[in-house]
Amino acid sequence: MNKKTNISASIVTRDMDKIAEPTGNIYESVAIISKRARQISVAMKEELNGKLAEFASTVDNLEEVFENREQIEISKFYERMPKPTSMAIEEFLDGEIGFRRIEEDEQ
């Protein structure tokens, strides 16, 4: 997964004309961005779950659960990452997302 951690994690005002420009339609652009955001989200969840699975324990010792600092640090890292939607918008505006219209495929 391409990691872009330098993307702002805070709320950003977006120019709707710039978002609509690649497709000519704001609704198409939002649909493309949302599909990409879902892909990023799924990949991030799989990656996080894979890293946290290393810490999975069959023993239910309450002390171990609260003292696993490495697991907590991994979780905090993912919480600080930019949201998938922000990453997808940046990719879209940078022209990194390929898309095609269904009508174009039928002709």
N, C-alpha and C. Protein backbone atom coordinates (compact mmCIF):
# COMPACT_ATOMS: atom_id res chain seq x y z
N MET A 1 0.84 -1.17 0.00
CA MET A 1 0.00 0.00 0.00
C MET A 1 0.89 1.24 0.00
N ASN A 2 0.56 2.17 -0.84
CA ASN A 2 1.31 3.42 -0.91
C ASN A 2 0.97 4.26 0.31
N LYS A 3 1.97 4.59 1.12
CA LYS A 3 1.73 5.34 2.34
C LYS A 3 1.99 6.81 2.11
N LYS A 4 0.97 7.60 2.29
CA LYS A 4 1.10 9.05 2.20
C LYS A 4 0.75 9.59 3.57
N THR A 5 1.72 9.66 4.43
CA THR A 5 1.45 10.13 5.77
C THR A 5 1.66 11.63 5.91
N ASN A 6 2.06 12.31 4.84
CA ASN A 6 2.25 13.75 4.91
C ASN A 6 0.98 14.52 4.56
N ILE A 7 -0.13 13.85 4.38
CA ILE A 7 -1.41 14.48 4.08
C ILE A 7 -1.99 15.01 5.39
N SER A 8 -2.55 16.20 5.33
CA SER A 8 -3.12 16.82 6.51
C SER A 8 -4.26 15.97 7.07
N ALA A 9 -4.24 15.75 8.37
CA ALA A 9 -5.28 14.94 9.01
C ALA A 9 -6.46 15.80 9.45
N SER A 10 -6.36 17.11 9.34
CA SER A 10 -7.43 17.98 9.79
C SER A 10 -8.41 18.27 8.64
N ILE A 11 -9.46 18.96 8.97
CA ILE A 11 -10.48 19.30 7.97
C ILE A 11 -9.92 20.35 7.01
N VAL A 12 -10.14 20.12 5.72
CA VAL A 12 -9.64 21.02 4.69
C VAL A 12 -10.80 21.42 3.79
N THR A 13 -10.89 22.71 3.47
CA THR A 13 -11.90 23.18 2.52
C THR A 13 -11.42 22.84 1.12
N ARG A 14 -12.28 22.21 0.35
CA ARG A 14 -11.92 21.77 -1.01
C ARG A 14 -12.63 22.62 -2.06
N ASP A 15 -11.95 22.84 -3.16
CA ASP A 15 -12.55 23.54 -4.30
C ASP A 15 -13.31 22.51 -5.13
N MET A 16 -14.62 22.62 -5.15
CA MET A 16 -15.47 21.65 -5.84
C MET A 16 -15.19 21.62 -7.35
N ASP A 17 -14.80 22.75 -7.91
CA ASP A 17 -14.49 22.79 -9.34
C ASP A 17 -13.27 21.93 -9.66
N LYS A 18 -12.28 21.95 -8.79
CA LYS A 18 -11.09 21.12 -9.01
C LYS A 18 -11.42 19.64 -8.90
N ILE A 19 -12.32 19.30 -8.00
CA ILE A 19 -12.72 17.89 -7.84
C ILE A 19 -13.53 17.44 -9.05
N ALA A 20 -14.40 18.32 -9.57
CA ALA A 20 -15.25 17.96 -10.71
C ALA A 20 -14.50 17.97 -12.03
N GLU A 21 -13.38 18.67 -12.08
CA GLU A 21 -12.66 18.87 -13.34
C GLU A 21 -12.27 17.58 -14.09
N PRO A 22 -11.69 16.57 -13.44
CA PRO A 22 -11.27 15.37 -14.20
C PRO A 22 -12.41 14.61 -14.87
N THR A 23 -13.60 14.65 -14.27
CA THR A 23 -14.72 13.90 -14.84
C THR A 23 -15.74 14.80 -15.51
N GLY A 24 -15.76 16.08 -15.15
CA GLY A 24 -16.77 16.99 -15.66
C GLY A 24 -18.06 16.92 -14.88
N ASN A 25 -18.07 16.12 -13.82
CA ASN A 25 -19.28 15.94 -13.03
C ASN A 25 -18.87 15.69 -11.58
N ILE A 26 -19.34 16.52 -10.67
CA ILE A 26 -18.95 16.39 -9.26
C ILE A 26 -19.40 15.05 -8.68
N TYR A 27 -20.56 14.55 -9.11
CA TYR A 27 -21.08 13.31 -8.56
C TYR A 27 -20.25 12.11 -9.00
N GLU A 28 -19.80 12.12 -10.25
CA GLU A 28 -18.90 11.05 -10.71
C GLU A 28 -17.59 11.09 -9.93
N SER A 29 -17.06 12.28 -9.74
CA SER A 29 -15.80 12.43 -9.01
C SER A 29 -15.93 11.90 -7.59
N VAL A 30 -17.03 12.26 -6.93
CA VAL A 30 -17.25 11.80 -5.55
C VAL A 30 -17.40 10.28 -5.51
N ALA A 31 -18.07 9.70 -6.49
CA ALA A 31 -18.22 8.24 -6.54
C ALA A 31 -16.86 7.57 -6.70
N ILE A 32 -16.02 8.10 -7.56
CA ILE A 32 -14.68 7.54 -7.78
C ILE A 32 -13.85 7.66 -6.50
N ILE A 33 -13.90 8.83 -5.87
CA ILE A 33 -13.14 9.05 -4.64
C ILE A 33 -13.63 8.11 -3.54
N SER A 34 -14.94 7.92 -3.43
CA SER A 34 -15.46 7.06 -2.37
C SER A 34 -15.06 5.60 -2.58
N LYS A 35 -15.04 5.14 -3.83
CA LYS A 35 -14.60 3.77 -4.10
C LYS A 35 -13.13 3.59 -3.73
N ARG A 36 -12.32 4.57 -4.07
CA ARG A 36 -10.89 4.49 -3.72
C ARG A 36 -10.69 4.56 -2.20
N ALA A 37 -11.48 5.40 -1.53
CA ALA A 37 -11.38 5.50 -0.07
C ALA A 37 -11.72 4.16 0.58
N ARG A 38 -12.72 3.46 0.05
CA ARG A 38 -13.06 2.14 0.59
C ARG A 38 -11.91 1.16 0.39
N GLN A 39 -11.27 1.20 -0.78
CA GLN A 39 -10.12 0.33 -1.04
C GLN A 39 -8.99 0.61 -0.04
N ILE A 40 -8.70 1.89 0.17
CA ILE A 40 -7.65 2.26 1.11
C ILE A 40 -8.01 1.80 2.52
N SER A 41 -9.26 2.01 2.91
CA SER A 41 -9.71 1.63 4.25
C SER A 41 -9.57 0.13 4.48
N VAL A 42 -9.98 -0.66 3.51
CA VAL A 42 -9.87 -2.12 3.63
C VAL A 42 -8.40 -2.53 3.75
N ALA A 43 -7.55 -1.93 2.93
CA ALA A 43 -6.12 -2.27 2.98
C ALA A 43 -5.51 -1.88 4.32
N MET A 44 -5.89 -0.73 4.85
CA MET A 44 -5.37 -0.29 6.14
C MET A 44 -5.84 -1.22 7.26
N LYS A 45 -7.10 -1.62 7.22
CA LYS A 45 -7.64 -2.52 8.24
C LYS A 45 -6.95 -3.87 8.19
N GLU A 46 -6.73 -4.39 6.99
CA GLU A 46 -6.04 -5.68 6.86
C GLU A 46 -4.61 -5.59 7.38
N GLU A 47 -3.94 -4.49 7.07
CA GLU A 47 -2.57 -4.30 7.52
C GLU A 47 -2.52 -4.19 9.05
N LEU A 48 -3.42 -3.41 9.62
CA LEU A 48 -3.47 -3.25 11.08
C LEU A 48 -3.80 -4.58 11.75
N ASN A 49 -4.81 -5.28 11.24
CA ASN A 49 -5.17 -6.57 11.83
C ASN A 49 -4.03 -7.58 11.74
N GLY A 50 -3.28 -7.54 10.63
CA GLY A 50 -2.13 -8.42 10.50
C GLY A 50 -1.07 -8.14 11.54
N LYS A 51 -0.81 -6.85 11.78
CA LYS A 51 0.19 -6.49 12.78
C LYS A 51 -0.29 -6.81 14.19
N LEU A 52 -1.57 -6.59 14.46
CA LEU A 52 -2.10 -6.86 15.79
C LEU A 52 -2.28 -8.36 16.04
N ALA A 53 -2.40 -9.15 14.96
CA ALA A 53 -2.55 -10.60 15.12
C ALA A 53 -1.30 -11.22 15.74
N GLU A 54 -0.16 -10.57 15.55
CA GLU A 54 1.07 -11.07 16.15
C GLU A 54 0.99 -11.06 17.67
N PHE A 55 0.14 -10.21 18.21
CA PHE A 55 0.02 -10.08 19.66
C PHE A 55 -1.13 -10.90 20.22
N ALA A 56 -1.86 -11.59 19.34
CA ALA A 56 -3.01 -12.38 19.79
C ALA A 56 -2.54 -13.45 20.77
N SER A 57 -3.28 -13.57 21.83
CA SER A 57 -2.91 -14.51 22.88
C SER A 57 -4.11 -15.40 23.18
N THR A 58 -3.83 -16.66 23.43
CA THR A 58 -4.90 -17.57 23.80
C THR A 58 -5.15 -17.51 25.30
N VAL A 59 -4.22 -16.91 26.03
CA VAL A 59 -4.36 -16.77 27.47
C VAL A 59 -5.06 -15.45 27.76
N ASP A 60 -6.07 -15.50 28.56
CA ASP A 60 -6.81 -14.28 28.90
C ASP A 60 -6.29 -13.72 30.22
N ASN A 61 -5.08 -13.26 30.18
CA ASN A 61 -4.47 -12.66 31.36
C ASN A 61 -4.66 -11.16 31.27
N LEU A 62 -5.42 -10.59 32.18
CA LEU A 62 -5.77 -9.18 32.14
C LEU A 62 -4.53 -8.29 32.23
N GLU A 63 -3.53 -8.69 32.95
CA GLU A 63 -2.31 -7.89 33.08
C GLU A 63 -1.59 -7.76 31.75
N GLU A 64 -1.55 -8.83 30.97
CA GLU A 64 -0.89 -8.79 29.66
C GLU A 64 -1.60 -7.84 28.70
N VAL A 65 -2.90 -7.79 28.79
CA VAL A 65 -3.69 -6.96 27.89
C VAL A 65 -3.36 -5.49 28.11
N PHE A 66 -3.22 -5.05 29.33
CA PHE A 66 -2.99 -3.65 29.61
C PHE A 66 -1.53 -3.25 29.50
N GLU A 67 -0.60 -4.19 29.50
CA GLU A 67 0.82 -3.86 29.52
C GLU A 67 1.50 -3.98 28.17
N ASN A 68 0.79 -4.30 27.13
CA ASN A 68 1.42 -4.49 25.83
C ASN A 68 1.57 -3.14 25.13
N ARG A 69 2.66 -2.44 25.42
CA ARG A 69 2.90 -1.09 24.89
C ARG A 69 3.11 -1.08 23.39
N GLU A 70 3.76 -2.10 22.85
CA GLU A 70 4.02 -2.14 21.41
C GLU A 70 2.71 -2.18 20.62
N GLN A 71 1.78 -2.96 21.10
CA GLN A 71 0.47 -3.04 20.46
C GLN A 71 -0.25 -1.69 20.53
N ILE A 72 -0.14 -1.02 21.64
CA ILE A 72 -0.76 0.29 21.80
C ILE A 72 -0.13 1.30 20.85
N GLU A 73 1.18 1.26 20.70
CA GLU A 73 1.88 2.19 19.80
C GLU A 73 1.47 1.96 18.35
N ILE A 74 1.31 0.70 17.95
CA ILE A 74 0.87 0.39 16.59
C ILE A 74 -0.53 0.97 16.35
N SER A 75 -1.41 0.78 17.31
CA SER A 75 -2.77 1.31 17.19
C SER A 75 -2.77 2.83 17.11
N LYS A 76 -1.96 3.47 17.93
CA LYS A 76 -1.88 4.94 17.91
C LYS A 76 -1.34 5.45 16.58
N PHE A 77 -0.38 4.73 16.01
CA PHE A 77 0.16 5.12 14.71
C PHE A 77 -0.95 5.15 13.66
N TYR A 78 -1.78 4.10 13.63
CA TYR A 78 -2.87 4.05 12.66
C TYR A 78 -3.94 5.10 12.93
N GLU A 79 -4.15 5.44 14.19
CA GLU A 79 -5.12 6.49 14.52
C GLU A 79 -4.65 7.85 14.05
N ARG A 80 -3.34 8.09 14.04
CA ARG A 80 -2.79 9.38 13.62
C ARG A 80 -2.68 9.51 12.11
N MET A 81 -2.80 8.42 11.39
CA MET A 81 -2.71 8.48 9.93
C MET A 81 -3.88 9.27 9.36
N PRO A 82 -3.69 9.88 8.19
CA PRO A 82 -4.81 10.59 7.56
C PRO A 82 -5.93 9.61 7.24
N LYS A 83 -7.11 10.14 7.21
CA LYS A 83 -8.28 9.31 6.91
C LYS A 83 -8.25 8.84 5.46
N PRO A 84 -8.79 7.66 5.18
CA PRO A 84 -8.80 7.14 3.81
C PRO A 84 -9.43 8.09 2.80
N THR A 85 -10.45 8.83 3.20
CA THR A 85 -11.09 9.77 2.29
C THR A 85 -10.13 10.88 1.90
N SER A 86 -9.37 11.40 2.87
CA SER A 86 -8.39 12.45 2.57
C SER A 86 -7.32 11.93 1.62
N MET A 87 -6.88 10.70 1.85
CA MET A 87 -5.86 10.10 0.98
C MET A 87 -6.41 9.93 -0.43
N ALA A 88 -7.67 9.47 -0.54
CA ALA A 88 -8.29 9.26 -1.85
C ALA A 88 -8.48 10.58 -2.60
N ILE A 89 -8.86 11.63 -1.91
CA ILE A 89 -9.03 12.93 -2.55
C ILE A 89 -7.70 13.42 -3.10
N GLU A 90 -6.64 13.30 -2.31
CA GLU A 90 -5.32 13.73 -2.77
C GLU A 90 -4.87 12.92 -3.99
N GLU A 91 -5.09 11.61 -3.95
CA GLU A 91 -4.73 10.78 -5.11
C GLU A 91 -5.52 11.20 -6.35
N PHE A 92 -6.80 11.48 -6.17
CA PHE A 92 -7.65 11.88 -7.29
C PHE A 92 -7.19 13.20 -7.88
N LEU A 93 -6.94 14.17 -7.02
CA LEU A 93 -6.52 15.49 -7.50
C LEU A 93 -5.13 15.47 -8.12
N ASP A 94 -4.28 14.51 -7.70
CA ASP A 94 -2.94 14.38 -8.28
C ASP A 94 -2.94 13.52 -9.54
N GLY A 95 -4.12 13.02 -9.94
CA GLY A 95 -4.23 12.22 -11.16
C GLY A 95 -3.69 10.81 -11.00
N GLU A 96 -3.67 10.30 -9.79
CA GLU A 96 -3.12 8.96 -9.52
C GLU A 96 -4.18 7.86 -9.58
N ILE A 97 -5.44 8.23 -9.77
CA ILE A 97 -6.51 7.24 -9.81
C ILE A 97 -6.99 7.12 -11.25
N GLY A 98 -6.94 5.90 -11.78
CA GLY A 98 -7.45 5.66 -13.12
C GLY A 98 -8.92 5.29 -13.05
N PHE A 99 -9.69 5.75 -14.00
CA PHE A 99 -11.12 5.42 -14.06
C PHE A 99 -11.57 5.45 -15.50
N ARG A 100 -12.68 4.77 -15.77
CA ARG A 100 -13.27 4.81 -17.10
C ARG A 100 -14.78 4.75 -16.95
N ARG A 101 -15.45 5.31 -17.92
CA ARG A 101 -16.92 5.33 -17.90
C ARG A 101 -17.44 4.06 -18.56
N ILE A 102 -18.55 3.56 -18.06
CA ILE A 102 -19.13 2.32 -18.60
C ILE A 102 -19.57 2.53 -20.04
N GLU A 103 -20.12 3.72 -20.36
CA GLU A 103 -20.58 3.98 -21.72
C GLU A 103 -19.44 3.84 -22.72
N GLU A 104 -18.22 4.22 -22.32
CA GLU A 104 -17.07 4.15 -23.20
C GLU A 104 -16.72 2.70 -23.53
N ASP A 105 -16.95 1.79 -22.58
CA ASP A 105 -16.64 0.38 -22.80
C ASP A 105 -17.65 -0.28 -23.73
N GLU A 106 -18.90 0.17 -23.72
CA GLU A 106 -19.96 -0.44 -24.51
C GLU A 106 -19.88 -0.07 -25.98
N GLN A 107 -19.27 1.05 -26.32
CA GLN A 107 -19.24 1.51 -27.72
C GLN A 107 -18.14 0.90 -28.50
